[in-house]
Every structure is written in C-alpha cells, then in structure tokens.
Amino acid sequence: MFNFLKKSKKIKLPQLEQLNKNYDIIVHIGAPKTGSSAIQKYLLENRTILENFGFYYPEHGVDENGISGGQSILGKKLIDNEFDTAKAILETYLKEAKQKQCTLLISAESLFNRAPQLKEMAGDHRCKIISFFRDPIESIYSNYNQGIKRHFATARLETFCQNLIDKPADFYTGETLEKWVSIFGKNHLTVLGYDLEVFKDIPIQNLFLSTLGIDEDTQKKYFKINNTSVNNSYCLAALELKRMLNFILDQNQKRLNNEIDWFLQGISDKSTKPKYKLAERISEQTYLRLTEKFIMSNQKIQNEYLTTINPNFLKTTNTENRKTINQKELFLEISAILEKLERQKPQIYNYICKEISKKITRLNDYEVLKLAEMLNYDINQLPNKEIWFNPNQLKKMPNAQTVDFLRDIAYQCYYRGDLENAQILIEKAREIRPNGPTIVNLSEKIKSELNG
C-alpha cells in the first residue's frame, strides 16, 4: 500500500468535491496515453467498494496484460455511426446505476473526441468530465511508441519528430479540451496533470479517486491497489524490434499480430533496462524546436484549465542528462527477445519467418535486412537479392541533385557492408544538406557501427 499521505511540500491535492451528490454521470475521457489502462484496471478491481461509496462502474474485460479500453464500446459505436446503439448502451448503464442508487462512472478514451455525441446521448443528465493532460514532449514519444505497437508505423523517431515541428498539433496542445468546455461548460470539466513527479507521492489511481471526492483516509482503509505496471510503453529493444517487424507483418493476421504485441508488452513490463526520454533519442536541434513549439499552449493549459497540484508541471528544463545508446548492445537485446519468442511462442516465430521469406526478395530496407540476419538468414545467399536502387529512387534520379546521389550511393555501400566508403559519401552529403533527416540518420548509424 502506498503511503501517499506523506507528500512533498510542493504537492497540493485539489479541494475535494463529492461528485456523486452533484452529477448523474462522470466520464473519464483520457486523454490517450495518460494512464487510462491503470485507472480502468483499478476501478474494475474495486467495483464493489466503489458502489459502497456511491459510484457504479460497469464491468468490462481486460486482456492478458491487464489492458482494456474501459467502456470503449460507446466510442466504438459512435465511430461506426451507430449512435442509437451507443445511446441504448449508455441508458442501460444509467438504469443499472439508478437501481444501485449510484452515480454512473465510465472511463473510455474512445470518447476523447466525441464531446457533441456524448452530450446528445446524455440529454438532461448532469455530466462531469475528467481528463488528464500530459506534457506534449512526453506525449509525442508515447504516441510514437503506440503507433509502432498498434498501428504498424515504421518511421524513425527523428523523422517522426521533425514532421511534427511545422504542422498543426492539436492532439498535443490540449485544444480538444476547448470543445468539451464549449459543450459542457468549464465548471463541469476537471483537468489533471499527468505528472510523473506527483505520481512518485500519489499513484494516479489514488489521485483519480480523490477527484471523485473520496478522501485519502477512506482510500487507504477500503481500496486496494496493485502496483503492477499496466500498458507501459515498449522498452527500447521491443520498440525497435516491432518497428522492424512492421515492415513485413501481414496486417490482416490480427490474432497473430495481437499475440506479438502481448508478448512484447510482457517483455517490456518486466524489463529492467534504462528508460530513455525523447531528448535522448533525437537530435538536440529537433528537441529544442519541439519544446519551443509548445510553450504558448502549455501556458494556456496551466492558466485556463489545469488543476494545480505541482506548480512546476509543464515547466521545461534544458538540463537533460543524455544517456548514450549502444547500438551493438541494443541489437543483442533484440536478438535475445527473438530467441525467447522462438522458445515460448514457436507459432508466432514461424509466422514471422514466413512473412520475411515472402517479402525479403522485394524489399531493400535496412531494417528488413537486419531482421533477416537476426533470424539467421544468410542474406548474401538470398535469391535475386542483389542490392540496387529501388524504383522510387530511380524515378527521382533524372531530377536529382548531387547530394541525392551521394546519399543513395552511400546507402548502397552501407547495405553491402562497406562502412568506410559509406561514411565518406554520407559525410559529403551532410556538408551540403546538414539538416536532412535521412542523411543525418544514416551518418549517425554508420558512426555508431564503426565505433561499435
């Protein structure tokens, strides 16, 4: 049991309001990647106790890693344009809550962008909306991780971040909260910081209960918390392995792909390897430009929406101690995960081998070749696998600049294992185009392998 009564001086809990006396429905909307799975698991495990204190939390399932979407069926039905079905489900929940003389409590990230539909479904019922807000810099890395975990993304992190710098980023700025305020009213929205400093003293589950109006003494006496991590981001080795796998997996094989995710999630939840921050995985220039992008929106969140608990939340510091990532050790860790997969999940391992066998003769991607090597393929003996420029490169060559030729030929040298000439060519390309993400990535990769 956490002793969250012993808080540091900077931690100040919000003034408690007994929400079950003032609202018919309490809706936790996320945001995505702000600990929703941990909260949902906690609420599910304490359903009976919650009812004793006036809150009805409808039952839902979880997967083998304890992950769920809460009452995500509501949002899913809205996404599928089945409004009447979603409304009927909500009305069933409300009826069940009324029978128990409780306020309905639901948690569903799938409702995060569904404020108008929820208002229409709820009708005249009094609604309280609870949301967490995460520092955009942390959120970017977490969502990059999620894209690789669940959505077959293959982009390198540096490229992903550079693409965000000059584009609208409403998802990260908290602009969605303005829609909830315009529809439900500012007094009926509570925004809490997803603050790792606060969570050192007060677990997110307990902070959430405090927001409902359940005081700390009551939580300590009646509620049980299991501090097992739920739906953590992948560890770095699992993340890079899944990114490589995304080049070759069959997206229609949902069951097999889910099993890969569950396996890698289990590996990550038990991992004792260092956790890396965004600042440690991208260039300093890109990191600084990202932090500058969110200064104004962070100030607005603090001034207009955020319930103040830690006054230092969202205050950016540039004193990051960057840990060096040893690429050789990283690939050894990835290989160890594959060996464990072969032992524990041979069907999944064979599925991966089958997919790479089908696709390796058609792809030149470095990640695919590296994955093939870790799966014990002799890539030098692969049929029809003479490395050559891909069709997209050939199409661009008539209009290419010198720097483009230097980059592409450097890649060919790199694929063939000629690191010395690859470095000479890519460094010349970098002199001409110092901020080109592809050039910078290859340059850093070659340096890392040469220094291995």
Protein backbone atom coordinates (compact mmCIF):
# COMPACT_ATOMS: atom_id res chain seq x y z
CA MET A 1 0.00 0.00 0.00
CA PHE A 2 1.31 3.45 -0.92
CA ASN A 3 1.56 5.94 1.93
CA PHE A 4 0.52 8.91 -0.13
CA LEU A 5 -0.32 10.91 3.00
CA LYS A 6 3.39 11.77 3.23
CA LYS A 7 3.54 14.19 0.33
CA SER A 8 6.35 16.57 -0.51
CA LYS A 9 5.58 20.21 0.21
CA LYS A 10 5.04 21.10 -3.44
CA ILE A 11 2.24 18.53 -3.84
CA LYS A 12 -1.16 20.06 -3.18
CA LEU A 13 -4.26 17.98 -3.78
CA PRO A 14 -7.31 19.68 -5.32
CA GLN A 15 -10.15 20.57 -2.97
CA LEU A 16 -12.46 17.57 -2.83
CA GLU A 17 -15.98 17.73 -4.23
CA GLN A 18 -18.31 14.78 -3.71
CA LEU A 19 -19.21 14.28 -7.33
CA ASN A 20 -21.84 11.58 -6.74
CA LYS A 21 -24.05 14.18 -4.99
CA ASN A 22 -23.93 16.66 -7.87
CA TYR A 23 -23.75 14.55 -11.05
CA ASP A 24 -25.59 11.70 -12.73
CA ILE A 25 -22.67 10.69 -14.98
CA ILE A 26 -18.91 11.05 -14.50
CA VAL A 27 -16.93 10.45 -17.69
CA HIS A 28 -13.16 9.94 -17.72
CA ILE A 29 -12.09 10.65 -21.32
CA GLY A 30 -8.34 10.03 -21.12
CA ALA A 31 -6.53 11.68 -22.89
CA PRO A 32 -4.85 8.77 -24.69
CA LYS A 33 -1.56 7.61 -23.13
CA THR A 34 -2.27 9.22 -19.75
CA GLY A 35 -2.59 6.13 -17.57
CA SER A 36 -6.15 5.21 -18.54
CA SER A 37 -5.47 1.46 -18.54
CA ALA A 38 -4.12 1.62 -14.98
CA ILE A 39 -7.14 3.63 -13.82
CA GLN A 40 -9.59 1.28 -15.56
CA LYS A 41 -7.96 -1.81 -14.08
CA TYR A 42 -8.10 -0.21 -10.62
CA LEU A 43 -11.74 0.77 -10.94
CA LEU A 44 -12.64 -2.69 -12.19
CA GLU A 45 -10.89 -4.38 -9.26
CA ASN A 46 -12.68 -2.06 -6.80
CA ARG A 47 -16.17 -2.06 -8.35
CA THR A 48 -17.92 -3.35 -5.24
CA ILE A 49 -16.16 -0.86 -2.96
CA LEU A 50 -16.98 1.98 -5.36
CA GLU A 51 -20.67 1.07 -5.16
CA ASN A 52 -20.49 1.36 -1.38
CA PHE A 53 -19.40 4.97 -1.86
CA GLY A 54 -22.00 5.82 -4.47
CA PHE A 55 -20.33 5.11 -7.83
CA TYR A 56 -21.38 2.44 -10.33
CA TYR A 57 -18.59 1.37 -12.70
CA PRO A 58 -19.89 -1.07 -15.38
CA GLU A 59 -17.91 -4.26 -15.82
CA HIS A 60 -15.64 -4.80 -18.84
CA GLY A 61 -12.96 -7.23 -19.94
CA VAL A 62 -9.16 -6.97 -19.94
CA ASP A 63 -6.51 -8.73 -22.00
CA GLU A 64 -3.74 -10.97 -20.67
CA ASN A 65 -1.64 -7.92 -19.74
CA GLY A 66 -4.49 -6.28 -17.83
CA ILE A 67 -5.18 -3.77 -20.60
CA SER A 68 -8.66 -2.67 -21.63
CA GLY A 69 -10.45 0.28 -23.15
CA GLY A 70 -12.87 0.63 -20.27
CA GLN A 71 -16.36 1.27 -21.63
CA SER A 72 -14.82 1.85 -25.06
CA ILE A 73 -17.82 0.23 -26.75
CA LEU A 74 -19.56 3.61 -26.51
CA GLY A 75 -16.94 5.37 -28.60
CA LYS A 76 -16.61 2.45 -30.98
CA LYS A 77 -20.33 2.52 -31.75
CA LEU A 78 -20.15 6.26 -32.38
CA ILE A 79 -17.17 5.79 -34.69
CA ASP A 80 -19.20 3.17 -36.59
CA ASN A 81 -22.09 5.66 -36.86
CA GLU A 82 -24.28 3.51 -34.60
CA PHE A 83 -25.50 6.37 -32.43
CA ASP A 84 -28.74 4.69 -31.37
CA THR A 85 -26.84 1.61 -30.19
CA ALA A 86 -24.36 3.73 -28.23
CA LYS A 87 -27.21 5.68 -26.62
CA ALA A 88 -29.00 2.45 -25.70
CA ILE A 89 -25.83 1.14 -24.01
CA LEU A 90 -25.46 4.37 -22.04
CA GLU A 91 -29.11 4.25 -21.00
CA THR A 92 -28.61 0.66 -19.80
CA TYR A 93 -25.64 1.78 -17.71
CA LEU A 94 -27.72 4.64 -16.26
CA LYS A 95 -30.59 2.31 -15.42
CA GLU A 96 -28.23 -0.08 -13.64
CA ALA A 97 -26.66 2.82 -11.72
CA LYS A 98 -30.07 4.13 -10.67
CA GLN A 99 -31.08 0.68 -9.40
CA LYS A 100 -28.00 0.72 -7.19
CA GLN A 101 -28.65 4.36 -6.17
CA CYS A 102 -25.28 5.32 -7.58
CA THR A 103 -23.76 7.86 -9.93
CA LEU A 104 -22.62 6.28 -13.19
CA LEU A 105 -18.83 6.31 -13.62
CA ILE A 106 -17.38 5.42 -17.02
CA SER A 107 -13.87 5.57 -18.48
CA ALA A 108 -13.28 5.50 -22.22
CA GLU A 109 -10.53 7.14 -24.27
CA SER A 110 -12.68 6.37 -27.31
CA LEU A 111 -14.89 9.32 -26.23
CA PHE A 112 -11.99 11.80 -26.16
CA ASN A 113 -13.01 13.41 -29.45
CA ARG A 114 -16.76 12.75 -29.09
CA ALA A 115 -18.00 15.64 -26.94
CA PRO A 116 -21.04 16.56 -29.13
CA GLN A 117 -22.23 12.95 -29.38
CA LEU A 118 -21.83 12.34 -25.66
CA LYS A 119 -23.84 15.48 -24.88
CA GLU A 120 -26.61 14.32 -27.20
CA MET A 121 -26.63 10.83 -25.66
CA ALA A 122 -26.62 12.16 -22.10
CA GLY A 123 -29.52 14.53 -22.69
CA ASP A 124 -30.53 16.31 -19.48
CA HIS A 125 -28.35 14.18 -17.22
CA ARG A 126 -25.78 16.16 -15.23
CA CYS A 127 -22.29 15.27 -16.52
CA LYS A 128 -18.83 15.73 -15.08
CA ILE A 129 -15.88 15.31 -17.44
CA ILE A 130 -12.44 14.31 -16.12
CA SER A 131 -9.34 14.45 -18.31
CA PHE A 132 -5.59 14.22 -17.80
CA PHE A 133 -3.13 16.38 -19.71
CA ARG A 134 0.38 15.18 -20.48
CA ASP A 135 3.43 17.27 -21.31
CA PRO A 136 3.46 17.31 -25.15
CA ILE A 137 7.11 16.24 -25.24
CA GLU A 138 6.31 13.10 -23.23
CA SER A 139 3.11 12.57 -25.18
CA ILE A 140 4.91 12.68 -28.54
CA TYR A 141 7.25 9.87 -27.54
CA SER A 142 4.42 7.84 -26.03
CA ASN A 143 2.25 8.20 -29.13
CA TYR A 144 5.19 7.36 -31.40
CA ASN A 145 5.56 4.20 -29.33
CA GLN A 146 1.84 3.49 -29.62
CA GLY A 147 1.93 3.92 -33.40
CA ILE A 148 4.61 1.24 -33.65
CA LYS A 149 2.88 -1.04 -31.12
CA ARG A 150 -0.60 -0.99 -32.60
CA HIS A 151 -0.66 0.77 -35.99
CA PHE A 152 2.27 -0.74 -37.94
CA ALA A 153 4.24 2.51 -38.07
CA THR A 154 7.81 2.21 -39.38
CA ALA A 155 9.17 5.78 -39.20
CA ARG A 156 12.34 6.52 -37.30
CA LEU A 157 11.83 8.75 -34.27
CA GLU A 158 13.89 11.67 -35.61
CA THR A 159 11.83 11.75 -38.80
CA PHE A 160 8.57 11.45 -36.87
CA CYS A 161 9.50 14.42 -34.66
CA GLN A 162 10.76 16.62 -37.48
CA ASN A 163 7.47 16.11 -39.30
CA LEU A 164 5.62 17.50 -36.27
CA ILE A 165 7.56 20.73 -35.95
CA ASP A 166 5.87 22.74 -38.70
CA LYS A 167 2.48 21.02 -38.64
CA PRO A 168 -0.65 21.66 -36.51
CA ALA A 169 -0.52 19.57 -33.34
CA ASP A 170 -3.97 19.95 -31.77
CA PHE A 171 -3.75 16.48 -30.26
CA TYR A 172 -0.77 17.54 -28.14
CA THR A 173 -1.72 21.14 -27.31
CA GLY A 174 -4.93 20.33 -25.44
CA GLU A 175 -7.10 22.16 -27.93
CA THR A 176 -9.64 19.33 -27.69
CA LEU A 177 -10.42 20.50 -24.14
CA GLU A 178 -11.87 23.71 -25.55
CA LYS A 179 -14.55 21.66 -27.31
CA TRP A 180 -15.51 19.98 -24.04
CA VAL A 181 -15.73 23.35 -22.31
CA SER A 182 -17.87 24.85 -25.07
CA ILE A 183 -20.33 21.94 -24.85
CA PHE A 184 -20.39 21.02 -21.14
CA GLY A 185 -19.16 24.23 -19.50
CA LYS A 186 -15.87 24.98 -17.77
CA ASN A 187 -17.22 24.23 -14.29
CA HIS A 188 -18.01 20.69 -15.36
CA LEU A 189 -14.53 19.86 -16.64
CA THR A 190 -11.66 18.79 -14.37
CA VAL A 191 -8.18 18.61 -15.95
CA LEU A 192 -5.37 16.95 -14.04
CA GLY A 193 -1.71 16.86 -14.97
CA TYR A 194 -0.25 13.51 -15.95
CA ASP A 195 2.73 14.38 -13.79
CA LEU A 196 5.41 11.81 -13.04
CA GLU A 197 6.67 13.89 -10.11
CA VAL A 198 3.23 13.82 -8.48
CA PHE A 199 2.91 10.09 -9.09
CA LYS A 200 6.04 9.47 -7.01
CA ASP A 201 3.94 10.51 -3.98
CA ILE A 202 0.39 9.87 -5.15
CA PRO A 203 -0.36 7.00 -7.55
CA ILE A 204 -2.57 8.06 -10.44
CA GLN A 205 -5.32 5.70 -9.26
CA ASN A 206 -5.49 7.44 -5.88
CA LEU A 207 -5.38 10.88 -7.46
CA PHE A 208 -8.34 9.88 -9.62
CA LEU A 209 -10.34 8.73 -6.58
CA SER A 210 -9.53 12.00 -4.82
CA THR A 211 -11.03 13.84 -7.76
CA LEU A 212 -14.25 11.88 -7.29
CA GLY A 213 -14.41 13.16 -3.73
CA ILE A 214 -13.14 10.03 -1.97
CA ASP A 215 -10.72 11.25 0.70
CA GLU A 216 -7.30 9.79 1.38
CA ASP A 217 -8.19 8.11 4.68
CA THR A 218 -11.10 6.31 3.03
CA GLN A 219 -8.93 5.18 0.14
CA LYS A 220 -6.28 3.87 2.49
CA LYS A 221 -8.82 1.97 4.59
CA TYR A 222 -11.05 0.42 1.92
CA PHE A 223 -9.44 0.46 -1.52
CA LYS A 224 -6.80 -1.97 -2.76
CA ILE A 225 -4.12 -1.05 -5.25
CA ASN A 226 -1.90 -3.43 -7.19
CA ASN A 227 1.21 -1.53 -8.30
CA THR A 228 1.80 -3.78 -11.31
CA SER A 229 2.58 -1.68 -14.38
CA VAL A 230 -0.18 -1.63 -17.00
CA ASN A 231 0.25 -0.81 -20.69
CA ASN A 232 3.69 0.73 -20.35
CA SER A 233 5.45 1.92 -23.45
CA TYR A 234 7.66 -0.71 -25.01
CA CYS A 235 11.25 -0.89 -23.81
CA LEU A 236 13.67 0.29 -26.49
CA ALA A 237 14.64 -3.19 -27.73
CA ALA A 238 10.99 -4.27 -28.05
CA LEU A 239 10.13 -0.99 -29.75
CA GLU A 240 12.87 -1.29 -32.37
CA LEU A 241 12.05 -4.94 -32.97
CA LYS A 242 8.38 -4.15 -33.53
CA ARG A 243 9.30 -1.29 -35.87
CA MET A 244 11.36 -3.70 -37.97
CA LEU A 245 8.59 -6.30 -37.86
CA ASN A 246 6.08 -3.72 -39.10
CA PHE A 247 7.85 -3.74 -42.48
CA ILE A 248 6.95 -7.39 -43.04
CA LEU A 249 3.91 -8.34 -40.91
CA ASP A 250 0.62 -9.19 -42.59
CA GLN A 251 -1.82 -6.62 -41.16
CA ASN A 252 -4.74 -8.96 -41.84
CA GLN A 253 -3.39 -11.52 -39.35
CA LYS A 254 -4.96 -9.77 -36.37
CA ARG A 255 -4.76 -12.64 -33.90
CA LEU A 256 -1.08 -13.34 -34.59
CA ASN A 257 -0.19 -9.66 -34.55
CA ASN A 258 -2.00 -9.22 -31.23
CA GLU A 259 -0.01 -12.09 -29.78
CA ILE A 260 3.21 -10.36 -30.83
CA ASP A 261 2.02 -7.20 -29.07
CA TRP A 262 1.09 -9.10 -25.89
CA PHE A 263 4.45 -10.86 -25.89
CA LEU A 264 6.44 -7.64 -26.37
CA GLN A 265 4.30 -5.84 -23.79
CA GLY A 266 5.05 -8.58 -21.27
CA ILE A 267 8.77 -8.30 -22.05
CA SER A 268 8.61 -4.52 -21.60
CA ASP A 269 6.66 -4.60 -18.35
CA LYS A 270 9.36 -6.83 -16.81
CA SER A 271 12.33 -5.03 -18.36
CA THR A 272 14.96 -3.51 -16.06
CA LYS A 273 16.77 -1.77 -18.92
CA PRO A 274 17.17 2.03 -18.77
CA LYS A 275 14.19 4.13 -19.83
CA TYR A 276 15.02 6.70 -22.47
CA LYS A 277 13.45 10.13 -22.81
CA LEU A 278 12.69 11.83 -26.10
CA ALA A 279 15.63 14.20 -25.62
CA GLU A 280 18.00 11.23 -25.57
CA ARG A 281 16.79 9.74 -28.83
CA ILE A 282 16.61 12.72 -31.17
CA SER A 283 18.98 15.49 -32.16
CA GLU A 284 19.35 18.45 -29.80
CA GLN A 285 18.17 20.85 -32.52
CA THR A 286 14.96 18.91 -33.13
CA TYR A 287 14.29 18.64 -29.40
CA LEU A 288 14.71 22.38 -28.85
CA ARG A 289 12.40 23.23 -31.74
CA LEU A 290 9.74 20.90 -30.35
CA THR A 291 9.88 22.41 -26.87
CA GLU A 292 9.59 25.91 -28.35
CA LYS A 293 6.53 24.82 -30.33
CA PHE A 294 4.51 24.05 -27.19
CA ILE A 295 5.49 26.91 -24.86
CA MET A 296 2.39 29.03 -25.52
CA SER A 297 -0.12 26.16 -25.50
CA ASN A 298 1.34 24.83 -22.23
CA GLN A 299 0.90 28.25 -20.63
CA LYS A 300 -2.72 28.33 -21.76
CA ILE A 301 -3.41 24.90 -20.29
CA GLN A 302 -1.90 25.96 -16.96
CA ASN A 303 -3.74 29.27 -16.83
CA GLU A 304 -7.17 28.21 -18.05
CA TYR A 305 -7.76 24.51 -17.37
CA LEU A 306 -5.28 22.74 -15.16
CA THR A 307 -5.98 21.86 -11.54
CA THR A 308 -2.73 22.94 -9.87
CA ILE A 309 -1.04 20.21 -7.85
CA ASN A 310 2.63 20.61 -8.75
CA PRO A 311 3.43 24.22 -9.76
CA ASN A 312 6.49 23.03 -11.70
CA PHE A 313 4.44 20.84 -14.04
CA LEU A 314 4.98 21.72 -17.73
CA LYS A 315 7.98 23.90 -16.94
CA THR A 316 10.61 22.82 -19.47
CA THR A 317 14.20 22.44 -18.38
CA ASN A 318 17.15 22.04 -20.71
CA THR A 319 19.30 20.13 -18.24
CA GLU A 320 18.65 16.66 -19.61
CA ASN A 321 21.43 14.16 -18.90
CA ARG A 322 21.60 12.29 -22.17
CA LYS A 323 22.33 8.56 -21.92
CA THR A 324 24.26 7.05 -24.82
CA ILE A 325 22.54 4.20 -26.64
CA ASN A 326 24.94 1.40 -27.52
CA GLN A 327 23.66 0.08 -30.85
CA LYS A 328 25.56 -3.19 -30.59
CA GLU A 329 24.04 -3.94 -27.17
CA LEU A 330 20.62 -2.94 -28.48
CA PHE A 331 20.78 -5.48 -31.31
CA LEU A 332 21.91 -8.15 -28.86
CA GLU A 333 18.85 -7.38 -26.74
CA ILE A 334 16.62 -7.64 -29.81
CA SER A 335 18.18 -10.97 -30.72
CA ALA A 336 17.57 -12.21 -27.17
CA ILE A 337 13.88 -11.28 -27.46
CA LEU A 338 13.64 -13.21 -30.74
CA GLU A 339 15.27 -16.26 -29.13
CA LYS A 340 12.78 -16.10 -26.28
CA LEU A 341 9.94 -15.76 -28.77
CA GLU A 342 11.16 -18.86 -30.62
CA ARG A 343 11.20 -20.85 -27.37
CA GLN A 344 7.92 -19.65 -25.89
CA LYS A 345 5.82 -18.86 -28.96
CA PRO A 346 7.06 -21.06 -31.83
CA GLN A 347 3.89 -20.50 -33.87
CA ILE A 348 4.44 -16.73 -33.78
CA TYR A 349 8.14 -17.10 -34.54
CA ASN A 350 7.34 -19.27 -37.56
CA TYR A 351 4.78 -16.70 -38.73
CA ILE A 352 7.47 -14.00 -38.66
CA CYS A 353 9.92 -16.22 -40.55
CA LYS A 354 7.27 -16.99 -43.15
CA GLU A 355 6.47 -13.30 -43.70
CA ILE A 356 10.09 -12.26 -44.04
CA SER A 357 10.70 -15.10 -46.51
CA LYS A 358 7.88 -13.76 -48.68
CA LYS A 359 8.98 -10.13 -48.58
CA ILE A 360 12.74 -10.05 -48.33
CA THR A 361 13.19 -10.56 -52.07
CA ARG A 362 11.16 -7.40 -52.71
CA LEU A 363 12.48 -5.00 -50.07
CA ASN A 364 15.78 -3.18 -49.72
CA ASP A 365 15.06 -1.66 -46.31
CA TYR A 366 17.94 -1.81 -43.88
CA GLU A 367 15.58 -2.88 -41.06
CA VAL A 368 14.37 -5.88 -43.06
CA LEU A 369 17.90 -7.00 -43.86
CA LYS A 370 18.97 -6.58 -40.24
CA LEU A 371 15.91 -8.51 -39.05
CA ALA A 372 16.72 -11.27 -41.55
CA GLU A 373 20.23 -11.55 -40.16
CA MET A 374 18.89 -11.86 -36.60
CA LEU A 375 16.59 -14.63 -37.84
CA ASN A 376 19.71 -16.45 -39.10
CA TYR A 377 19.18 -15.79 -42.80
CA ASP A 378 22.34 -15.61 -44.85
CA ILE A 379 21.38 -12.51 -46.80
CA ASN A 380 24.31 -12.99 -49.16
CA GLN A 381 22.69 -16.23 -50.36
CA LEU A 382 19.19 -14.84 -50.85
CA PRO A 383 17.96 -15.38 -54.43
CA ASN A 384 17.60 -12.30 -56.62
CA LYS A 385 18.69 -10.07 -53.76
CA GLU A 386 21.40 -8.08 -55.47
CA ILE A 387 21.09 -4.71 -53.75
CA TRP A 388 20.16 -1.99 -56.19
CA PHE A 389 18.34 1.33 -56.22
CA ASN A 390 14.66 0.95 -55.50
CA PRO A 391 12.03 2.08 -58.06
CA ASN A 392 11.27 5.29 -56.18
CA GLN A 393 14.94 6.29 -56.19
CA LEU A 394 15.26 5.55 -59.91
CA LYS A 395 12.15 7.60 -60.65
CA LYS A 396 13.62 10.67 -58.91
CA MET A 397 17.11 10.43 -60.37
CA PRO A 398 16.55 12.43 -63.59
CA ASN A 399 15.84 15.50 -61.43
CA ALA A 400 18.14 14.62 -58.53
CA GLN A 401 20.78 16.91 -57.09
CA THR A 402 24.34 15.85 -56.34
CA VAL A 403 23.51 15.46 -52.65
CA ASP A 404 20.77 12.95 -53.51
CA PHE A 405 23.19 10.77 -55.47
CA LEU A 406 25.72 10.90 -52.64
CA ARG A 407 23.05 9.82 -50.16
CA ASP A 408 21.68 6.98 -52.27
CA ILE A 409 25.08 5.57 -53.20
CA ALA A 410 26.11 5.80 -49.53
CA TYR A 411 23.11 3.63 -48.73
CA GLN A 412 24.21 1.02 -51.27
CA CYS A 413 27.70 0.91 -49.73
CA TYR A 414 26.15 0.61 -46.30
CA TYR A 415 23.89 -2.28 -47.34
CA ARG A 416 26.93 -4.10 -48.78
CA GLY A 417 28.84 -3.65 -45.52
CA ASP A 418 31.32 -1.13 -46.97
CA LEU A 419 31.06 1.23 -43.98
CA GLU A 420 34.23 3.20 -44.71
CA ASN A 421 33.14 4.36 -48.18
CA ALA A 422 29.57 4.78 -46.98
CA GLN A 423 30.84 7.21 -44.33
CA ILE A 424 32.91 9.22 -46.81
CA LEU A 425 29.91 9.62 -49.13
CA ILE A 426 27.33 10.42 -46.46
CA GLU A 427 29.54 12.96 -44.71
CA LYS A 428 29.99 14.78 -48.02
CA ALA A 429 26.22 14.74 -48.43
CA ARG A 430 25.86 16.09 -44.90
CA GLU A 431 28.14 19.03 -45.71
CA ILE A 432 25.72 20.00 -48.48
CA ARG A 433 22.47 19.25 -46.60
CA PRO A 434 23.35 19.31 -42.86
CA ASN A 435 19.74 19.02 -41.63
CA GLY A 436 18.44 16.35 -43.99
CA PRO A 437 16.84 13.75 -41.66
CA THR A 438 17.66 10.74 -43.84
CA ILE A 439 21.26 11.88 -44.28
CA VAL A 440 21.69 12.62 -40.56
CA ASN A 441 20.18 9.25 -39.59
CA LEU A 442 22.50 7.28 -41.89
CA SER A 443 25.51 9.33 -40.82
CA GLU A 444 24.85 8.67 -37.14
CA LYS A 445 24.14 4.98 -37.78
CA ILE A 446 27.42 4.49 -39.66
CA LYS A 447 29.39 6.31 -36.94
CA SER A 448 27.78 4.15 -34.29
CA GLU A 449 28.59 0.90 -36.10
CA LEU A 450 32.16 1.96 -36.88
CA ASN A 451 32.70 2.86 -33.23
CA GLY A 452 30.68 -0.25 -32.11
